[in-house]
Amino acid sequence: MRKAKRAAIRSRVKWQQVGDRCSAEFFKSVRQKNAQSIISELKNNQGKIFTTCKDMEQICVNFYQALYKHKEISEEALEEVLRDLPITFTTSMNEVFSKEITEEELGVAAKAMAKGKAPGHDRLSLEFFQKTWPYVCIDYHVMIIQGFEDETLHESIAKGLISLIPKKGDKADLNYWRPIILLMAAYKIFAKTLQLRLKPILNDIINPEQTVFLPLRFILDNIVLTQEALHWAKTSRQPMVFLNLDFLKAYDKVS
C-alpha cells in the first residue's frame, strides 16, 4: 500500500515537471500514445492478415455493418418474454415525453451542459451555442422539429468523427478496438434535451436492482448484495446458484 502511494506521488511530481512542457519527455509520451493507436494490420473473419489500407478499410466496413445490422427476432418469443413483465411506462408518461420539443427546453439543455468539451468537425463548441443562443435558438429549434417530421436528423448535426481506441488483446482483431465518436455540439444539445425529459421518470420505470447509470444509485451496491447473499447461504446452509453473464457488445445490439 505504501509503495503504491509513493509511486502515485512520484508520477504526479513527474507530470508537474514535464507533463505540459514542450520537452523531449513530453513528445516521447505523445509518440508512444500515437503508436498504440496505429492500425498496421487487420484480420478478416477467416483469420487472414491484411496490411493494405484498402483491405483494412473493407474489413472495418464489413465488421461494423455486421455488428450494427438489425437482427430479426421471433415476435412470438418476444411476446412470451414480455407477457408477464409489469408495465411501468404509463400512458401519461408517454404523453409528457412525446410532446413537441420547445425552444425553452433546448435552451435549458444548452445552458446545463459542461464547458470545455472538444467540438465536432464543424468546430462549433458548446460555448458558441451558449453565448449566441438568443440568435441561433429559432433556427436550431426549426431544424430539430423538421427532423422529427422527416424522422431523421439533419446531416449537419448527425455526423461524427469516429476513432478506434485500442484495448488489451490482439491489435489485428477489430474486437479489441473500441470505437469512440466525436459528436457535434448541436447534436449533444438535442440529446441532452431528451435526457432531461427522461430523468424525472427513470426511477419509476427502471427496476431498483439496476444500480448503475442512475442518480443516487451506486454500482458497488451489487458487490455488497452478492457478499451478503453468499454469507446468508453459508450461515443458513441454503443452496444457491450465481449466474454471471457477459453480453458481447451489448450496447451495440440493443435491438
Protein backbone atom coordinates (compact mmCIF):
# COMPACT_ATOMS: atom_id res chain seq x y z
CA MET A 1 0.00 0.00 0.00
CA ARG A 2 2.81 2.41 0.90
CA LYS A 3 4.69 1.54 -2.29
CA ALA A 4 1.57 2.31 -4.35
CA LYS A 5 1.14 5.67 -2.63
CA ARG A 6 4.79 6.55 -3.20
CA ALA A 7 4.53 5.60 -6.89
CA ALA A 8 1.41 7.76 -7.28
CA ILE A 9 3.16 10.73 -5.69
CA ARG A 10 6.21 10.29 -7.91
CA SER A 11 4.04 10.13 -11.04
CA ARG A 12 2.28 13.38 -10.13
CA VAL A 13 5.59 15.12 -9.47
CA LYS A 14 6.99 13.96 -12.81
CA TRP A 15 3.89 15.17 -14.65
CA GLN A 16 4.14 18.59 -12.98
CA GLN A 17 7.76 18.79 -14.09
CA VAL A 18 7.46 17.69 -17.73
CA GLY A 19 3.80 17.00 -18.49
CA ASP A 20 2.72 20.27 -20.13
CA ARG A 21 6.09 21.46 -21.37
CA CYS A 22 7.40 21.06 -24.92
CA SER A 23 10.19 18.82 -23.71
CA ALA A 24 11.69 15.64 -25.10
CA GLU A 25 9.84 13.69 -22.40
CA PHE A 26 6.52 15.21 -23.44
CA PHE A 27 6.94 14.42 -27.14
CA LYS A 28 8.16 10.92 -26.27
CA SER A 29 4.93 10.23 -24.39
CA VAL A 30 2.91 11.64 -27.32
CA ARG A 31 4.72 9.41 -29.82
CA GLN A 32 4.21 6.33 -27.64
CA LYS A 33 0.49 7.06 -27.32
CA ASN A 34 0.10 7.68 -31.06
CA ALA A 35 1.99 4.47 -31.89
CA GLN A 36 -0.51 2.46 -29.85
CA SER A 37 -3.38 3.87 -31.93
CA ILE A 38 -1.92 2.99 -35.33
CA ILE A 39 -3.56 0.05 -37.13
CA SER A 40 -0.92 -1.56 -39.32
CA GLU A 41 -2.72 -4.88 -39.97
CA LEU A 42 -6.13 -6.46 -39.52
CA LYS A 43 -7.57 -9.97 -39.61
CA ASN A 44 -10.70 -10.88 -41.54
CA ASN A 45 -13.29 -13.41 -40.31
CA GLN A 46 -11.14 -16.29 -41.54
CA GLY A 47 -8.09 -15.06 -39.59
CA LYS A 48 -6.15 -13.94 -42.67
CA ILE A 49 -3.92 -10.88 -42.14
CA PHE A 50 -4.22 -7.83 -44.44
CA THR A 51 -1.92 -4.80 -44.41
CA THR A 52 -3.05 -2.52 -47.27
CA CYS A 53 -5.28 0.45 -46.49
CA LYS A 54 -7.94 -0.67 -48.97
CA ASP A 55 -8.19 -4.16 -47.49
CA MET A 56 -8.21 -2.91 -43.89
CA GLU A 57 -10.89 -0.37 -44.74
CA GLN A 58 -13.09 -3.11 -46.20
CA ILE A 59 -12.57 -5.27 -43.10
CA CYS A 60 -13.73 -2.35 -40.91
CA VAL A 61 -16.79 -1.76 -43.08
CA ASN A 62 -17.78 -5.43 -43.02
CA PHE A 63 -17.20 -5.75 -39.27
CA TYR A 64 -19.29 -2.76 -38.22
CA GLN A 65 -22.03 -3.36 -40.78
CA ALA A 66 -22.50 -6.83 -39.32
CA LEU A 67 -22.29 -5.50 -35.74
CA TYR A 68 -24.88 -2.74 -36.10
CA LYS A 69 -27.20 -4.53 -38.51
CA HIS A 70 -30.69 -5.06 -37.14
CA LYS A 71 -31.17 -8.69 -36.18
CA GLU A 72 -34.51 -10.29 -36.98
CA ILE A 73 -36.22 -11.74 -33.90
CA SER A 74 -39.17 -14.02 -33.32
CA GLU A 75 -42.24 -11.96 -32.44
CA GLU A 76 -43.73 -15.00 -30.67
CA ALA A 77 -40.65 -15.38 -28.49
CA LEU A 78 -40.65 -11.66 -27.71
CA GLU A 79 -44.30 -11.76 -26.71
CA GLU A 80 -43.63 -14.71 -24.42
CA VAL A 81 -40.77 -12.85 -22.71
CA LEU A 82 -42.70 -9.60 -22.27
CA ARG A 83 -46.08 -11.11 -21.36
CA ASP A 84 -45.65 -11.16 -17.59
CA LEU A 85 -43.46 -8.09 -17.18
CA PRO A 86 -45.12 -5.21 -15.31
CA ILE A 87 -45.99 -2.11 -17.31
CA THR A 88 -44.04 0.80 -15.83
CA PHE A 89 -44.09 3.30 -18.70
CA THR A 90 -47.63 4.61 -18.43
CA THR A 91 -49.78 6.42 -20.96
CA SER A 92 -49.45 9.69 -19.06
CA MET A 93 -45.66 9.38 -19.08
CA ASN A 94 -45.75 8.74 -22.81
CA GLU A 95 -47.87 11.84 -23.40
CA VAL A 96 -45.42 14.02 -21.48
CA PHE A 97 -42.41 12.55 -23.23
CA SER A 98 -43.99 12.73 -26.70
CA LYS A 99 -44.82 16.44 -26.58
CA GLU A 100 -43.17 18.65 -29.16
CA ILE A 101 -39.78 19.95 -28.05
CA THR A 102 -39.81 23.67 -27.26
CA GLU A 103 -37.19 26.40 -27.59
CA GLU A 104 -37.17 26.72 -23.81
CA GLU A 105 -36.26 23.05 -23.35
CA LEU A 106 -33.41 23.32 -25.84
CA GLY A 107 -32.15 26.46 -24.11
CA VAL A 108 -32.17 24.80 -20.68
CA ALA A 109 -30.26 21.84 -22.10
CA ALA A 110 -27.66 24.09 -23.76
CA LYS A 111 -27.02 26.01 -20.54
CA ALA A 112 -26.84 22.81 -18.45
CA MET A 113 -24.02 21.27 -20.46
CA ALA A 114 -20.43 21.34 -19.23
CA LYS A 115 -17.97 23.66 -20.90
CA GLY A 116 -14.53 22.85 -22.22
CA LYS A 117 -15.52 19.84 -24.32
CA ALA A 118 -13.96 19.16 -27.71
CA PRO A 119 -16.07 20.41 -30.64
CA GLY A 120 -17.08 18.25 -33.58
CA HIS A 121 -15.76 18.55 -37.11
CA ASP A 122 -17.77 21.75 -37.64
CA ARG A 123 -15.56 23.36 -34.92
CA LEU A 124 -18.61 24.89 -33.17
CA SER A 125 -18.20 24.44 -29.43
CA LEU A 126 -20.84 24.35 -26.71
CA GLU A 127 -19.62 27.76 -25.58
CA PHE A 128 -20.55 29.12 -29.02
CA PHE A 129 -24.16 27.97 -28.65
CA GLN A 130 -24.35 29.18 -25.05
CA LYS A 131 -23.10 32.66 -25.96
CA THR A 132 -25.15 33.06 -29.15
CA TRP A 133 -28.28 31.18 -28.07
CA PRO A 134 -30.66 34.20 -28.33
CA TYR A 135 -29.68 34.49 -32.01
CA VAL A 136 -29.50 30.83 -33.08
CA CYS A 137 -32.31 29.32 -30.99
CA ILE A 138 -35.10 29.89 -33.53
CA ASP A 139 -33.27 28.32 -36.47
CA TYR A 140 -31.99 25.48 -34.29
CA HIS A 141 -35.49 24.74 -32.99
CA VAL A 142 -36.89 24.69 -36.53
CA MET A 143 -34.17 22.23 -37.56
CA ILE A 144 -34.97 19.86 -34.66
CA ILE A 145 -38.74 19.97 -35.33
CA GLN A 146 -38.10 19.31 -39.01
CA GLY A 147 -36.02 16.30 -38.02
CA PHE A 148 -38.98 14.83 -36.13
CA GLU A 149 -41.25 15.37 -39.13
CA ASP A 150 -38.75 13.80 -41.51
CA GLU A 151 -37.91 11.05 -38.97
CA THR A 152 -34.21 11.73 -39.46
CA LEU A 153 -31.80 14.31 -38.09
CA HIS A 154 -30.29 16.86 -40.44
CA GLU A 155 -26.92 15.68 -41.69
CA SER A 156 -25.30 18.86 -40.37
CA ILE A 157 -25.64 17.55 -36.80
CA ALA A 158 -25.86 13.79 -37.35
CA LYS A 159 -22.27 13.31 -38.48
CA GLY A 160 -19.39 12.44 -36.20
CA LEU A 161 -15.69 11.63 -36.28
CA ILE A 162 -15.02 8.01 -35.35
CA SER A 163 -11.77 6.95 -33.71
CA LEU A 164 -10.76 3.44 -32.68
CA ILE A 165 -9.16 3.16 -29.25
CA PRO A 166 -7.03 0.04 -28.60
CA LYS A 167 -7.89 -2.27 -25.70
CA LYS A 168 -5.93 -5.22 -24.35
CA GLY A 169 -5.61 -8.07 -26.80
CA ASP A 170 -4.67 -8.73 -30.40
CA LYS A 171 -4.48 -5.37 -32.22
CA ALA A 172 -5.07 -7.16 -35.54
CA ASP A 173 -8.56 -8.17 -34.33
CA LEU A 174 -11.21 -5.43 -34.51
CA ASN A 175 -12.92 -6.89 -31.45
CA TYR A 176 -10.08 -5.38 -29.42
CA TRP A 177 -10.65 -1.82 -30.67
CA ARG A 178 -13.28 0.41 -29.06
CA PRO A 179 -14.96 2.99 -31.33
CA ILE A 180 -15.43 6.49 -29.91
CA ILE A 181 -17.41 9.10 -31.83
CA LEU A 182 -16.69 12.82 -31.52
CA LEU A 183 -20.14 14.34 -31.96
CA MET A 184 -21.03 17.92 -32.74
CA ALA A 185 -22.30 20.29 -30.05
CA ALA A 186 -25.60 20.74 -31.90
CA TYR A 187 -26.30 17.02 -31.56
CA LYS A 188 -25.26 16.97 -27.89
CA ILE A 189 -27.77 19.72 -27.05
CA PHE A 190 -30.58 17.71 -28.65
CA ALA A 191 -29.52 14.55 -26.79
CA LYS A 192 -29.30 16.48 -23.52
CA THR A 193 -32.87 17.74 -24.05
CA LEU A 194 -34.17 14.17 -24.33
CA GLN A 195 -32.13 13.16 -21.28
CA LEU A 196 -33.66 15.93 -19.18
CA ARG A 197 -37.14 14.77 -20.23
CA LEU A 198 -36.42 11.21 -19.20
CA LYS A 199 -34.59 11.96 -15.96
CA PRO A 200 -37.65 12.55 -13.70
CA ILE A 201 -39.21 9.18 -14.55
CA LEU A 202 -36.14 6.91 -14.69
CA ASN A 203 -36.50 5.69 -11.10
CA ASP A 204 -40.14 4.78 -11.81
CA ILE A 205 -39.53 2.74 -14.95
CA ILE A 206 -36.17 1.08 -14.18
CA ASN A 207 -36.02 -1.79 -11.73
CA PRO A 208 -34.35 -0.93 -8.40
CA GLU A 209 -31.92 -3.83 -8.87
CA GLN A 210 -30.15 -1.82 -11.57
CA THR A 211 -27.57 0.16 -9.63
CA VAL A 212 -25.63 1.89 -12.39
CA PHE A 213 -26.16 4.86 -14.75
CA LEU A 214 -28.80 6.43 -12.47
CA PRO A 215 -28.59 9.26 -9.91
CA LEU A 216 -28.34 8.20 -6.25
CA ARG A 217 -27.55 4.60 -7.25
CA PHE A 218 -24.11 3.08 -6.70
CA ILE A 219 -22.71 0.18 -8.71
CA LEU A 220 -20.80 -1.17 -5.69
CA ASP A 221 -24.15 -1.95 -4.06
CA ASN A 222 -24.18 -5.06 -6.26
CA ILE A 223 -20.93 -6.25 -4.70
CA VAL A 224 -22.32 -5.75 -1.20
CA LEU A 225 -25.51 -7.58 -2.17
CA THR A 226 -23.52 -10.51 -3.56
CA GLN A 227 -21.38 -10.77 -0.43
CA GLU A 228 -24.45 -10.63 1.83
CA ALA A 229 -26.19 -13.31 -0.25
CA LEU A 230 -23.14 -15.59 -0.02
CA HIS A 231 -22.93 -15.05 3.72
CA TRP A 232 -26.63 -15.85 4.14
CA ALA A 233 -26.32 -19.02 2.03
CA LYS A 234 -23.35 -20.26 4.06
CA THR A 235 -24.75 -19.47 7.51
CA SER A 236 -28.22 -20.86 6.75
CA ARG A 237 -26.87 -23.80 4.69
CA GLN A 238 -29.11 -22.87 1.77
CA PRO A 239 -28.27 -23.95 -1.80
CA MET A 240 -27.57 -21.01 -4.09
CA VAL A 241 -26.63 -20.51 -7.74
CA PHE A 242 -24.88 -17.42 -9.11
CA LEU A 243 -25.04 -16.74 -12.85
CA ASN A 244 -22.52 -14.29 -14.30
CA LEU A 245 -23.45 -13.10 -17.82
CA ASP A 246 -21.17 -11.03 -20.03
CA PHE A 247 -23.04 -9.79 -23.09
CA LEU A 248 -20.76 -9.26 -26.09
CA LYS A 249 -21.07 -5.60 -27.14
CA ALA A 250 -24.49 -5.43 -25.52
CA TYR A 251 -24.94 -1.69 -26.08
CA ASP A 252 -24.40 -2.09 -29.82
CA LYS A 253 -27.07 -4.79 -30.06
CA VAL A 254 -29.84 -3.20 -28.03
CA SER A 255 -32.44 -4.13 -30.67
